[in-house]
PDB file of N, CA and C in Angstrom:
ATOM      1  N   MET A   1     102.325  86.705  92.081  1.00  0.00           N
ATOM      2  CA  MET A   1     101.882  86.112  93.321  1.00  0.00           C
ATOM      3  C   MET A   1     101.660  84.621  93.070  1.00  0.00           C
ATOM      4  N   ASP A   2     102.405  83.796  93.735  1.00  0.00           N
ATOM      5  CA  ASP A   2     102.277  82.352  93.582  1.00  0.00           C
ATOM      6  C   ASP A   2     101.995  81.738  94.950  1.00  0.00           C
ATOM      7  N   MET A   3     100.727  81.542  95.230  1.00  0.00           N
ATOM      8  CA  MET A   3     100.320  81.041  96.541  1.00  0.00           C
ATOM      9  C   MET A   3     100.894  79.669  96.832  1.00  0.00           C
ATOM     10  N   SER A   4     100.830  78.781  95.865  1.00  0.00           N
ATOM     11  CA  SER A   4     101.327  77.417  96.084  1.00  0.00           C
ATOM     12  C   SER A   4     102.815  77.413  96.406  1.00  0.00           C
ATOM     13  N   ARG A   5     103.557  78.225  95.691  1.00  0.00           N
ATOM     14  CA  ARG A   5     105.000  78.310  95.945  1.00  0.00           C
ATOM     15  C   ARG A   5     105.272  78.830  97.353  1.00  0.00           C
ATOM     16  N   ASP A   6     104.515  79.841  97.769  1.00  0.00           N
ATOM     17  CA  ASP A   6     104.715  80.394  99.107  1.00  0.00           C
ATOM     18  C   ASP A   6     104.299  79.418 100.200  1.00  0.00           C
ATOM     19  N   VAL A   7     103.284  78.605  99.943  1.00  0.00           N
ATOM     20  CA  VAL A   7     102.901  77.569 100.908  1.00  0.00           C
ATOM     21  C   VAL A   7     104.059  76.589 101.083  1.00  0.00           C
ATOM     22  N   GLU A   8     104.623  76.128  99.972  1.00  0.00           N
ATOM     23  CA  GLU A   8     105.759  75.199 100.036  1.00  0.00           C
ATOM     24  C   GLU A   8     106.964  75.834 100.737  1.00  0.00           C
ATOM     25  N   LEU A   9     107.231  77.082 100.410  1.00  0.00           N
ATOM     26  CA  LEU A   9     108.343  77.798 101.032  1.00  0.00           C
ATOM     27  C   LEU A   9     108.128  77.929 102.542  1.00  0.00           C
ATOM     28  N   ALA A  10     106.919  78.258 102.946  1.00  0.00           N
ATOM     29  CA  ALA A  10     106.612  78.398 104.375  1.00  0.00           C
ATOM     30  C   ALA A  10     106.812  77.083 105.111  1.00  0.00           C
ATOM     31  N   LEU A  11     106.352  75.998 104.517  1.00  0.00           N
ATOM     32  CA  LEU A  11     106.513  74.693 105.165  1.00  0.00           C
ATOM     33  C   LEU A  11     107.989  74.310 105.273  1.00  0.00           C
ATOM     34  N   ALA A  12     108.767  74.655 104.258  1.00  0.00           N
ATOM     35  CA  ALA A  12     110.209  74.380 104.311  1.00  0.00           C
ATOM     36  C   ALA A  12     110.888  75.248 105.372  1.00  0.00           C
ATOM     37  N   LEU A  13     110.534  76.524 105.423  1.00  0.00           N
ATOM     38  CA  LEU A  13     111.117  77.418 106.428  1.00  0.00           C
ATOM     39  C   LEU A  13     110.761  76.975 107.842  1.00  0.00           C
ATOM     40  N   ALA A  14     109.562  76.461 108.015  1.00  0.00           N
ATOM     41  CA  ALA A  14     109.099  76.042 109.342  1.00  0.00           C
ATOM     42  C   ALA A  14     109.893  74.859 109.884  1.00  0.00           C
ATOM     43  N   GLN A  15     110.593  74.146 109.009  1.00  0.00           N
ATOM     44  CA  GLN A  15     111.415  73.018 109.452  1.00  0.00           C
ATOM     45  C   GLN A  15     112.641  73.480 110.237  1.00  0.00           C
ATOM     46  N   GLY A  16     113.057  74.707 110.002  1.00  0.00           N
ATOM     47  CA  GLY A  16     114.235  75.238 110.691  1.00  0.00           C
ATOM     48  C   GLY A  16     113.834  76.294 111.696  1.00  0.00           C
ATOM     49  N   ARG A  17     114.554  77.403 111.667  1.00  0.00           N
ATOM     50  CA  ARG A  17     114.254  78.529 112.552  1.00  0.00           C
ATOM     51  C   ARG A  17     113.697  79.655 111.688  1.00  0.00           C
ATOM     52  N   PRO A  18     112.378  79.714 111.561  1.00  0.00           N
ATOM     53  CA  PRO A  18     111.766  80.683 110.646  1.00  0.00           C
ATOM     54  C   PRO A  18     111.686  82.089 111.239  1.00  0.00           C
ATOM     55  N   THR A  19     112.847  82.699 111.401  1.00  0.00           N
ATOM     56  CA  THR A  19     112.896  84.076 111.877  1.00  0.00           C
ATOM     57  C   THR A  19     113.688  84.895 110.875  1.00  0.00           C
ATOM     58  N   GLY A  20     113.591  86.188 110.994  1.00  0.00           N
ATOM     59  CA  GLY A  20     114.324  87.066 110.095  1.00  0.00           C
ATOM     60  C   GLY A  20     113.449  87.588 108.978  1.00  0.00           C
ATOM     61  N   PRO A  21     114.033  88.429 108.139  1.00  0.00           N
ATOM     62  CA  PRO A  21     113.270  89.115 107.098  1.00  0.00           C
ATOM     63  C   PRO A  21     112.597  88.178 106.090  1.00  0.00           C
ATOM     64  N   ALA A  22     113.261  87.113 105.698  1.00  0.00           N
ATOM     65  CA  ALA A  22     112.666  86.207 104.696  1.00  0.00           C
ATOM     66  C   ALA A  22     111.409  85.544 105.249  1.00  0.00           C
ATOM     67  N   ALA A  23     111.482  85.017 106.455  1.00  0.00           N
ATOM     68  CA  ALA A  23     110.319  84.368 107.066  1.00  0.00           C
ATOM     69  C   ALA A  23     109.215  85.381 107.337  1.00  0.00           C
ATOM     70  N   ASP A  24     109.592  86.586 107.756  1.00  0.00           N
ATOM     71  CA  ASP A  24     108.594  87.633 107.997  1.00  0.00           C
ATOM     72  C   ASP A  24     107.840  87.966 106.714  1.00  0.00           C
ATOM     73  N   GLU A  25     108.567  88.037 105.612  1.00  0.00           N
ATOM     74  CA  GLU A  25     107.943  88.352 104.322  1.00  0.00           C
ATOM     75  C   GLU A  25     106.985  87.243 103.887  1.00  0.00           C
ATOM     76  N   VAL A  26     107.367  85.998 104.077  1.00  0.00           N
ATOM     77  CA  VAL A  26     106.483  84.877 103.714  1.00  0.00           C
ATOM     78  C   VAL A  26     105.226  84.906 104.576  1.00  0.00           C
ATOM     79  N   ARG A  27     105.386  85.139 105.882  1.00  0.00           N
ATOM     80  CA  ARG A  27     104.215  85.239 106.770  1.00  0.00           C
ATOM     81  C   ARG A  27     103.289  86.363 106.320  1.00  0.00           C
ATOM     82  N   LYS A  28     103.873  87.488 105.943  1.00  0.00           N
ATOM     83  CA  LYS A  28     103.090  88.633 105.471  1.00  0.00           C
ATOM     84  C   LYS A  28     102.294  88.258 104.218  1.00  0.00           C
ATOM     85  N   ARG A  29     102.949  87.606 103.267  1.00  0.00           N
ATOM     86  CA  ARG A  29     102.258  87.208 102.029  1.00  0.00           C
ATOM     87  C   ARG A  29     101.156  86.195 102.320  1.00  0.00           C
ATOM     88  N   LEU A  30     101.418  85.239 103.216  1.00  0.00           N
ATOM     89  CA  LEU A  30     100.393  84.244 103.544  1.00  0.00           C
ATOM     90  C   LEU A  30      99.169  84.909 104.167  1.00  0.00           C
ATOM     91  N   ARG A  31      99.370  85.907 104.997  1.00  0.00           N
ATOM     92  CA  ARG A  31      98.235  86.637 105.586  1.00  0.00           C
ATOM     93  C   ARG A  31      97.448  87.385 104.500  1.00  0.00           C
ATOM     94  N   ILE A  32      98.155  87.949 103.544  1.00  0.00           N
ATOM     95  CA  ILE A  32      97.482  88.615 102.413  1.00  0.00           C
ATOM     96  C   ILE A  32      96.631  87.600 101.658  1.00  0.00           C
ATOM     97  N   TYR A  33      97.188  86.424 101.396  1.00  0.00           N
ATOM     98  CA  TYR A  33      96.438  85.388 100.690  1.00  0.00           C
ATOM     99  C   TYR A  33      95.195  84.993 101.474  1.00  0.00           C
ATOM    100  N   LEU A  34      95.345  84.835 102.790  1.00  0.00           N
ATOM    101  CA  LEU A  34      94.181  84.468 103.601  1.00  0.00           C
ATOM    102  C   LEU A  34      93.092  85.523 103.486  1.00  0.00           C
ATOM    103  N   ARG A  35      93.476  86.789 103.534  1.00  0.00           N
ATOM    104  CA  ARG A  35      92.475  87.859 103.403  1.00  0.00           C
ATOM    105  C   ARG A  35      91.760  87.782 102.054  1.00  0.00           C
ATOM    106  N   LEU A  36      92.486  87.428 101.012  1.00  0.00           N
ATOM    107  CA  LEU A  36      91.886  87.317  99.678  1.00  0.00           C
ATOM    108  C   LEU A  36      90.970  86.099  99.553  1.00  0.00           C
ATOM    109  N   LEU A  37      91.299  85.030 100.243  1.00  0.00           N
ATOM    110  CA  LEU A  37      90.599  83.753 100.071  1.00  0.00           C
ATOM    111  C   LEU A  37      89.463  83.520 101.053  1.00  0.00           C
ATOM    112  N   VAL A  38      89.495  84.168 102.200  1.00  0.00           N
ATOM    113  CA  VAL A  38      88.591  83.785 103.280  1.00  0.00           C
ATOM    114  C   VAL A  38      87.115  84.005 102.921  1.00  0.00           C
ATOM    115  N   ASP A  39      86.760  85.103 102.281  1.00  0.00           N
ATOM    116  CA  ASP A  39      85.350  85.333 101.940  1.00  0.00           C
ATOM    117  C   ASP A  39      84.845  84.370 100.866  1.00  0.00           C
ATOM    118  N   PRO A  40      85.577  84.177  99.745  1.00  0.00           N
ATOM    119  CA  PRO A  40      85.108  83.189  98.767  1.00  0.00           C
ATOM    120  C   PRO A  40      85.054  81.771  99.344  1.00  0.00           C
ATOM    121  N   ALA A  41      85.990  81.432 100.213  1.00  0.00           N
ATOM    122  CA  ALA A  41      85.971  80.104 100.834  1.00  0.00           C
ATOM    123  C   ALA A  41      84.768  79.956 101.756  1.00  0.00           C
ATOM    124  N   GLU A  42      84.412  81.029 102.434  1.00  0.00           N
ATOM    125  CA  GLU A  42      83.232  80.993 103.304  1.00  0.00           C
ATOM    126  C   GLU A  42      81.960  80.780 102.482  1.00  0.00           C
ATOM    127  N   GLU A  43      81.883  81.421 101.334  1.00  0.00           N
ATOM    128  CA  GLU A  43      80.734  81.206 100.440  1.00  0.00           C
ATOM    129  C   GLU A  43      80.665  79.751 100.000  1.00  0.00           C
ATOM    130  N   TYR A  44      81.803  79.189  99.646  1.00  0.00           N
ATOM    131  CA  TYR A  44      81.868  77.777  99.269  1.00  0.00           C
ATOM    132  C   TYR A  44      81.329  76.917 100.402  1.00  0.00           C
ATOM    133  N   ALA A  45      81.803  77.177 101.612  1.00  0.00           N
ATOM    134  CA  ALA A  45      81.396  76.369 102.769  1.00  0.00           C
ATOM    135  C   ALA A  45      79.894  76.464 103.012  1.00  0.00           C
ATOM    136  N   LYS A  46      79.347  77.657 102.899  1.00  0.00           N
ATOM    137  CA  LYS A  46      77.913  77.861 103.169  1.00  0.00           C
ATOM    138  C   LYS A  46      77.028  77.049 102.249  1.00  0.00           C
ATOM    139  N   HIS A  47      77.477  76.814 101.039  1.00  0.00           N
ATOM    140  CA  HIS A  47      76.628  76.171 100.038  1.00  0.00           C
ATOM    141  C   HIS A  47      76.882  74.678  99.864  1.00  0.00           C
ATOM    142  N   LEU A  48      77.733  74.099 100.683  1.00  0.00           N
ATOM    143  CA  LEU A  48      77.954  72.656 100.583  1.00  0.00           C
ATOM    144  C   LEU A  48      76.690  71.910 101.000  1.00  0.00           C
ATOM    145  N   ALA A  49      76.315  70.929 100.219  1.00  0.00           N
ATOM    146  CA  ALA A  49      75.098  70.165 100.504  1.00  0.00           C
ATOM    147  C   ALA A  49      75.296  69.204 101.678  1.00  0.00           C
ATOM    148  N   ASP A  50      76.454  68.594 101.777  1.00  0.00           N
ATOM    149  CA  ASP A  50      76.742  67.634 102.840  1.00  0.00           C
ATOM    150  C   ASP A  50      77.040  68.382 104.142  1.00  0.00           C
ATOM    151  N   SER A  51      76.270  68.092 105.189  1.00  0.00           N
ATOM    152  CA  SER A  51      76.410  68.857 106.431  1.00  0.00           C
ATOM    153  C   SER A  51      77.771  68.654 107.098  1.00  0.00           C
ATOM    154  N   ARG A  52      78.310  67.456 107.037  1.00  0.00           N
ATOM    155  CA  ARG A  52      79.627  67.221 107.659  1.00  0.00           C
ATOM    156  C   ARG A  52      80.709  68.006 106.917  1.00  0.00           C
ATOM    157  N   ALA A  53      80.693  67.942 105.597  1.00  0.00           N
ATOM    158  CA  ALA A  53      81.667  68.701 104.803  1.00  0.00           C
ATOM    159  C   ALA A  53      81.499  70.199 105.056  1.00  0.00           C
ATOM    160  N   ARG A  54      80.244  70.645 105.154  1.00  0.00           N
ATOM    161  CA  ARG A  54      79.978  72.064 105.418  1.00  0.00           C
ATOM    162  C   ARG A  54      80.548  72.473 106.784  1.00  0.00           C
ATOM    163  N   ASP A  55      80.336  71.627 107.798  1.00  0.00           N
ATOM    164  CA  ASP A  55      80.858  71.921 109.139  1.00  0.00           C
ATOM    165  C   ASP A  55      82.384  72.002 109.138  1.00  0.00           C
ATOM    166  N   ILE A  56      83.030  71.078 108.442  1.00  0.00           N
ATOM    167  CA  ILE A  56      84.496  71.069 108.378  1.00  0.00           C
ATOM    168  C   ILE A  56      85.005  72.313 107.652  1.00  0.00           C
ATOM    169  N   ALA A  57      84.409  72.628 106.513  1.00  0.00           N
ATOM    170  CA  ALA A  57      84.843  73.799 105.745  1.00  0.00           C
ATOM    171  C   ALA A  57      84.592  75.086 106.529  1.00  0.00           C
ATOM    172  N   THR A  58      83.458  75.167 107.212  1.00  0.00           N
ATOM    173  CA  THR A  58      83.149  76.349 108.017  1.00  0.00           C
ATOM    174  C   THR A  58      84.155  76.505 109.155  1.00  0.00           C
ATOM    175  N   ALA A  59      84.503  75.404 109.804  1.00  0.00           N
ATOM    176  CA  ALA A  59      85.502  75.451 110.881  1.00  0.00           C
ATOM    177  C   ALA A  59      86.871  75.856 110.337  1.00  0.00           C
ATOM    178  N   THR A  60      87.217  75.380 109.152  1.00  0.00           N
ATOM    179  CA  THR A  60      88.499  75.731 108.537  1.00  0.00           C
ATOM    180  C   THR A  60      88.558  77.228 108.243  1.00  0.00           C
ATOM    181  N   VAL A  61      87.462  77.767 107.726  1.00  0.00           N
ATOM    182  CA  VAL A  61      87.399  79.206 107.451  1.00  0.00           C
ATOM    183  C   VAL A  61      87.483  79.994 108.760  1.00  0.00           C
ATOM    184  N   GLY A  62      86.783  79.529 109.784  1.00  0.00           N
ATOM    185  CA  GLY A  62      86.842  80.198 111.083  1.00  0.00           C
ATOM    186  C   GLY A  62      88.249  80.198 111.663  1.00  0.00           C
ATOM    187  N   HIS A  63      88.933  79.083 111.506  1.00  0.00           N
ATOM    188  CA  HIS A  63      90.321  78.982 111.979  1.00  0.00           C
ATOM    189  C   HIS A  63      91.209  79.971 111.219  1.00  0.00           C
ATOM    190  N   ALA A  64      91.002  80.082 109.918  1.00  0.00           N
ATOM    191  CA  ALA A  64      91.785  81.024 109.113  1.00  0.00           C
ATOM    192  C   ALA A  64      91.531  82.458 109.573  1.00  0.00           C
ATOM    193  N   ARG A  65      90.280  82.778 109.862  1.00  0.00           N
ATOM    194  CA  ARG A  65      89.972  84.125 110.371  1.00  0.00           C
ATOM    195  C   ARG A  65      90.680  84.372 111.706  1.00  0.00           C
ATOM    196  N   GLY A  66      90.731  83.350 112.541  1.00  0.00           N
ATOM    197  CA  GLY A  66      91.440  83.471 113.812  1.00  0.00           C
ATOM    198  C   GLY A  66      92.924  83.722 113.618  1.00  0.00           C
ATOM    199  N   LEU A  67      93.511  83.070 112.637  1.00  0.00           N
ATOM    200  CA  LEU A  67      94.932  83.289 112.345  1.00  0.00           C
ATOM    201  C   LEU A  67      95.196  84.724 111.901  1.00  0.00           C
ATOM    202  N   LEU A  68      94.228  85.312 111.211  1.00  0.00           N
ATOM    203  CA  LEU A  68      94.397  86.699 110.784  1.00  0.00           C
ATOM    204  C   LEU A  68      94.394  87.653 111.976  1.00  0.00           C
ATOM    205  N   ARG A  69      93.674  87.291 113.027  1.00  0.00           N
ATOM    206  CA  ARG A  69      93.628  88.136 114.225  1.00  0.00           C
ATOM    207  C   ARG A  69      94.839  87.922 115.127  1.00  0.00           C
ATOM    208  N   ASP A  70      95.375  86.707 115.157  1.00  0.00           N
ATOM    209  CA  ASP A  70      96.459  86.354 116.075  1.00  0.00           C
ATOM    210  C   ASP A  70      97.812  86.569 115.409  1.00  0.00           C
ATOM    211  N   GLN A  71      98.602  87.448 115.959  1.00  0.00           N
ATOM    212  CA  GLN A  71      99.919  87.760 115.396  1.00  0.00           C
ATOM    213  C   GLN A  71     101.056  87.138 116.202  1.00  0.00           C
ATOM    214  N   HIS A  72     100.737  86.439 117.289  1.00  0.00           N
ATOM    215  CA  HIS A  72     101.769  85.983 118.215  1.00  0.00           C
ATOM    216  C   HIS A  72     101.817  84.465 118.271  1.00  0.00           C
ATOM    217  N   GLY A  73     102.903  83.974 118.804  1.00  0.00           N
ATOM    218  CA  GLY A  73     103.064  82.537 118.974  1.00  0.00           C
ATOM    219  C   GLY A  73     104.399  82.071 118.435  1.00  0.00           C
ATOM    220  N   ASP A  74     104.580  80.781 118.465  1.00  0.00           N
ATOM    221  CA  ASP A  74     105.803  80.166 117.960  1.00  0.00           C
ATOM    222  C   ASP A  74     105.912  80.426 116.458  1.00  0.00           C
ATOM    223  N   PRO A  75     106.998  81.047 115.995  1.00  0.00           N
ATOM    224  CA  PRO A  75     107.123  81.390 114.575  1.00  0.00           C
ATOM    225  C   PRO A  75     106.958  80.191 113.635  1.00  0.00           C
ATOM    226  N   ALA A  76     107.513  79.047 114.002  1.00  0.00           N
ATOM    227  CA  ALA A  76     107.399  77.868 113.135  1.00  0.00           C
ATOM    228  C   ALA A  76     105.958  77.383 113.084  1.00  0.00           C
ATOM    229  N   ALA A  77     105.298  77.344 114.234  1.00  0.00           N
ATOM    230  CA  ALA A  77     103.907  76.874 114.275  1.00  0.00           C
ATOM    231  C   ALA A  77     102.995  77.812 113.497  1.00  0.00           C
ATOM    232  N   ILE A  78     103.172  79.112 113.682  1.00  0.00           N
ATOM    233  CA  ILE A  78     102.340  80.085 112.964  1.00  0.00           C
ATOM    234  C   ILE A  78     102.557  79.957 111.461  1.00  0.00           C
ATOM    235  N   LEU A  79     103.795  79.798 111.047  1.00  0.00           N
ATOM    236  CA  LEU A  79     104.096  79.657 109.623  1.00  0.00           C
ATOM    237  C   LEU A  79     103.414  78.419 109.045  1.00  0.00           C
ATOM    238  N   ARG A  80     103.484  77.307 109.765  1.00  0.00           N
ATOM    239  CA  ARG A  80     102.814  76.077 109.304  1.00  0.00           C
ATOM    240  C   ARG A  80     101.298  76.263 109.241  1.00  0.00           C
ATOM    241  N   LEU A  81     100.726  76.871 110.284  1.00  0.00           N
ATOM    242  CA  LEU A  81      99.276  77.073 110.317  1.00  0.00           C
ATOM    243  C   LEU A  81      98.812  77.989 109.187  1.00  0.00           C
ATOM    244  N   LEU A  82      99.545  79.063 108.956  1.00  0.00           N
ATOM    245  CA  LEU A  82      99.201  79.957 107.848  1.00  0.00           C
ATOM    246  C   LEU A  82      99.274  79.220 106.515  1.00  0.00           C
ATOM    247  N   ALA A  83     100.347  78.463 106.312  1.00  0.00           N
ATOM    248  CA  ALA A  83     100.525  77.734 105.053  1.00  0.00           C
ATOM    249  C   ALA A  83      99.405  76.729 104.835  1.00  0.00           C
ATOM    250  N   LYS A  84      99.076  75.958 105.859  1.00  0.00           N
ATOM    251  CA  LYS A  84      98.022  74.945 105.725  1.00  0.00           C
ATOM    252  C   LYS A  84      96.665  75.599 105.490  1.00  0.00           C
ATOM    253  N   SER A  85      96.406  76.716 106.151  1.00  0.00           N
ATOM    254  CA  SER A  85      95.133  77.410 105.948  1.00  0.00           C
ATOM    255  C   SER A  85      95.017  77.947 104.529  1.00  0.00           C
ATOM    256  N   VAL A  86      96.085  78.547 104.029  1.00  0.00           N
ATOM    257  CA  VAL A  86      96.070  79.034 102.647  1.00  0.00           C
ATOM    258  C   VAL A  86      95.834  77.867 101.694  1.00  0.00           C
ATOM    259  N   SER A  87      96.481  76.755 101.942  1.00  0.00           N
ATOM    260  CA  SER A  87      96.335  75.584 101.082  1.00  0.00           C
ATOM    261  C   SER A  87      94.881  75.109 101.035  1.00  0.00           C
ATOM    262  N   TRP A  88      94.241  74.985 102.194  1.00  0.00           N
ATOM    263  CA  TRP A  88      92.848  74.523 102.218  1.00  0.00           C
ATOM    264  C   TRP A  88      91.906  75.533 101.586  1.00  0.00           C
ATOM    265  N   LEU A  89      92.074  76.816 101.887  1.00  0.00           N
ATOM    266  CA  LEU A  89      91.189  77.815 101.311  1.00  0.00           C
ATOM    267  C   LEU A  89      91.365  77.902  99.801  1.00  0.00           C
ATOM    268  N   MET A  90      92.598  77.720  99.312  1.00  0.00           N
ATOM    269  CA  MET A  90      92.821  77.681  97.861  1.00  0.00           C
ATOM    270  C   MET A  90      92.009  76.548  97.234  1.00  0.00           C
ATOM    271  N   ARG A  91      91.993  75.398  97.889  1.00  0.00           N
ATOM    272  CA  ARG A  91      91.226  74.254  97.372  1.00  0.00           C
ATOM    273  C   ARG A  91      89.746  74.583  97.288  1.00  0.00           C
ATOM    274  N   TYR A  92      89.225  75.206  98.339  1.00  0.00           N
ATOM    275  CA  TYR A  92      87.800  75.547  98.345  1.00  0.00           C
ATOM    276  C   TYR A  92      87.468  76.516  97.213  1.00  0.00           C
ATOM    277  N   VAL A  93      88.270  77.553  97.072  1.00  0.00           N
ATOM    278  CA  VAL A  93      88.010  78.554  96.037  1.00  0.00           C
ATOM    279  C   VAL A  93      88.191  77.942  94.651  1.00  0.00           C
ATOM    280  N   PHE A  94      89.219  77.127  94.467  1.00  0.00           N
ATOM    281  CA  PHE A  94      89.440  76.456  93.187  1.00  0.00           C
ATOM    282  C   PHE A  94      88.250  75.563  92.839  1.00  0.00           C
ATOM    283  N   GLN A  95      87.747  74.833  93.807  1.00  0.00           N
ATOM    284  CA  GLN A  95      86.609  73.940  93.566  1.00  0.00           C
ATOM    285  C   GLN A  95      85.394  74.734  93.081  1.00  0.00           C
ATOM    286  N   THR A  96      85.136  75.864  93.691  1.00  0.00           N
ATOM    287  CA  THR A  96      84.019  76.706  93.270  1.00  0.00           C
ATOM    288  C   THR A  96      84.222  77.187  91.841  1.00  0.00           C
ATOM    289  N   GLN A  97      85.426  77.663  91.523  1.00  0.00           N
ATOM    290  CA  GLN A  97      85.708  78.154  90.175  1.00  0.00           C
ATOM    291  C   GLN A  97      85.602  77.038  89.145  1.00  0.00           C
ATOM    292  N   ARG A  98      86.085  75.853  89.489  1.00  0.00           N
ATOM    293  CA  ARG A  98      86.033  74.716  88.568  1.00  0.00           C
ATOM    294  C   ARG A  98      84.590  74.323  88.279  1.00  0.00           C
ATOM    295  N   GLN A  99      83.778  74.288  89.313  1.00  0.00           N
ATOM    296  CA  GLN A  99      82.379  73.910  89.118  1.00  0.00           C
ATOM    297  C   GLN A  99      81.653  74.926  88.251  1.00  0.00           C
ATOM    298  N   ARG A 100      81.946  76.191  88.465  1.00  0.00           N
ATOM    299  CA  ARG A 100      81.297  77.225  87.650  1.00  0.00           C
ATOM    300  C   ARG A 100      81.732  77.137  86.190  1.00  0.00           C
ATOM    301  N   SER A 101      83.011  76.860  85.957  1.00  0.00           N
ATOM    302  CA  SER A 101      83.514  76.827  84.583  1.00  0.00           C
ATOM    303  C   SER A 101      83.032  75.602  83.813  1.00  0.00           C
ATOM    304  N   THR A 102      82.627  74.548  84.512  1.00  0.00           N
ATOM    305  CA  THR A 102      82.136  73.348  83.836  1.00  0.00           C
ATOM    306  C   THR A 102      80.617  73.324  83.740  1.00  0.00           C
ATOM    307  N   GLY A 103      79.981  74.432  84.112  1.00  0.00           N
ATOM    308  CA  GLY A 103      78.529  74.498  83.993  1.00  0.00           C
ATOM    309  C   GLY A 103      77.781  73.864  85.144  1.00  0.00           C
ATOM    310  N   HIS A 104      78.478  73.570  86.232  1.00  0.00           N
ATOM    311  CA  HIS A 104      77.818  73.016  87.407  1.00  0.00           C
ATOM    312  C   HIS A 104      77.524  74.144  88.384  1.00  0.00           C
ATOM    313  N   SER A 105      76.359  74.064  88.949  1.00  0.00           N
ATOM    314  CA  SER A 105      76.039  74.990  90.020  1.00  0.00           C
ATOM    315  C   SER A 105      76.914  74.613  91.205  1.00  0.00           C
ATOM    316  N   PRO A 106      77.576  75.562  91.847  1.00  0.00           N
ATOM    317  CA  PRO A 106      78.477  75.201  92.938  1.00  0.00           C
ATOM    318  C   PRO A 106      77.796  74.344  93.992  1.00  0.00           C
ATOM    319  N   HIS A 107      78.373  73.185  94.246  1.00  0.00           N
ATOM    320  CA  HIS A 107      78.014  72.330  95.364  1.00  0.00           C
ATOM    321  C   HIS A 107      76.724  71.537  95.182  1.00  0.00           C
ATOM    322  N   THR A 108      76.014  71.704  94.078  1.00  0.00           N
ATOM    323  CA  THR A 108      74.741  71.006  93.953  1.00  0.00           C
ATOM    324  C   THR A 108      74.652  70.123  92.724  1.00  0.00           C
ATOM    325  N   GLY A 109      75.621  70.185  91.842  1.00  0.00           N
ATOM    326  CA  GLY A 109      75.577  69.343  90.661  1.00  0.00           C
ATOM    327  C   GLY A 109      75.366  70.147  89.397  1.00  0.00           C
ATOM    328  N   PRO A 110      74.978  69.472  88.299  1.00  0.00           N
ATOM    329  CA  PRO A 110      74.830  70.159  87.024  1.00  0.00           C
ATOM    330  C   PRO A 110      73.804  71.283  87.095  1.00  0.00           C
ATOM    331  N   ALA A 111      74.093  72.336  86.378  1.00  0.00           N
ATOM    332  CA  ALA A 111      73.156  73.455  86.333  1.00  0.00           C
ATOM    333  C   ALA A 111      71.866  73.012  85.657  1.00  0.00           C
ATOM    334  N   GLN A 112      70.770  73.475  86.183  1.00  0.00           N
ATOM    335  CA  GLN A 112      69.463  73.143  85.635  1.00  0.00           C
ATOM    336  C   GLN A 112      68.964  74.324  84.812  1.00  0.00           C
ATOM    337  N   ALA A 113      68.389  74.024  83.671  1.00  0.00           N
ATOM    338  CA  ALA A 113      67.800  75.076  82.855  1.00  0.00           C
ATOM    339  C   ALA A 113      66.569  75.612  83.574  1.00  0.00           C
ATOM    340  N   THR A 114      66.396  76.916  83.523  1.00  0.00           N
ATOM    341  CA  THR A 114      65.220  77.511  84.137  1.00  0.00           C
ATOM    342  C   THR A 114      64.023  77.211  83.256  1.00  0.00           C
ATOM    343  N   PRO A 115      62.952  76.623  83.833  1.00  0.00           N
ATOM    344  CA  PRO A 115      61.793  76.308  83.004  1.00  0.00           C
ATOM    345  C   PRO A 115      61.148  77.579  82.468  1.00  0.00           C
ATOM    346  N   ALA A 116      60.626  77.472  81.266  1.00  0.00           N
ATOM    347  CA  ALA A 116      59.934  78.611  80.664  1.00  0.00           C
ATOM    348  C   ALA A 116      58.616  78.835  81.385  1.00  0.00           C
ATOM    349  N   PRO A 117      58.222  80.093  81.558  1.00  0.00           N
ATOM    350  CA  PRO A 117      56.933  80.348  82.201  1.00  0.00           C
ATOM    351  C   PRO A 117      55.796  79.851  81.322  1.00  0.00           C
ATOM    352  N   PRO A 118      54.668  79.474  81.939  1.00  0.00           N
ATOM    353  CA  PRO A 118      53.536  78.987  81.135  1.00  0.00           C
ATOM    354  C   PRO A 118      53.055  80.057  80.163  1.00  0.00           C
ATOM    355  N   ALA A 119      52.644  79.621  78.988  1.00  0.00           N
ATOM    356  CA  ALA A 119      52.186  80.564  77.960  1.00  0.00           C
ATOM    357  C   ALA A 119      50.765  80.981  78.201  1.00  0.00           C
TER     358      ALA A 119
END
């Protein structure tokens, strides 16, 4: 499963007439990716310290959830919207994973040592 490759493929297909089995398969995979990413991305959004960034990320997650419910529309537009949503949610999830792996508490900065209880 290569999300980035499928995002690029979807954007390329959307330039033409994205109909037929190949485009259907890419749309299907992008929806699967959205289902995998939407909950972790929502967690990322909830914990952002900056209110404007939090509002934008929350709206992006909400839009992605809407795309999962909506199956109709212009095939090229839907393909582009799915691809862009997967791309943004991947960034959010990657950012959370990167912060955790570097010892930073997600969205708040370096992890703080828990103070020892008084003796």
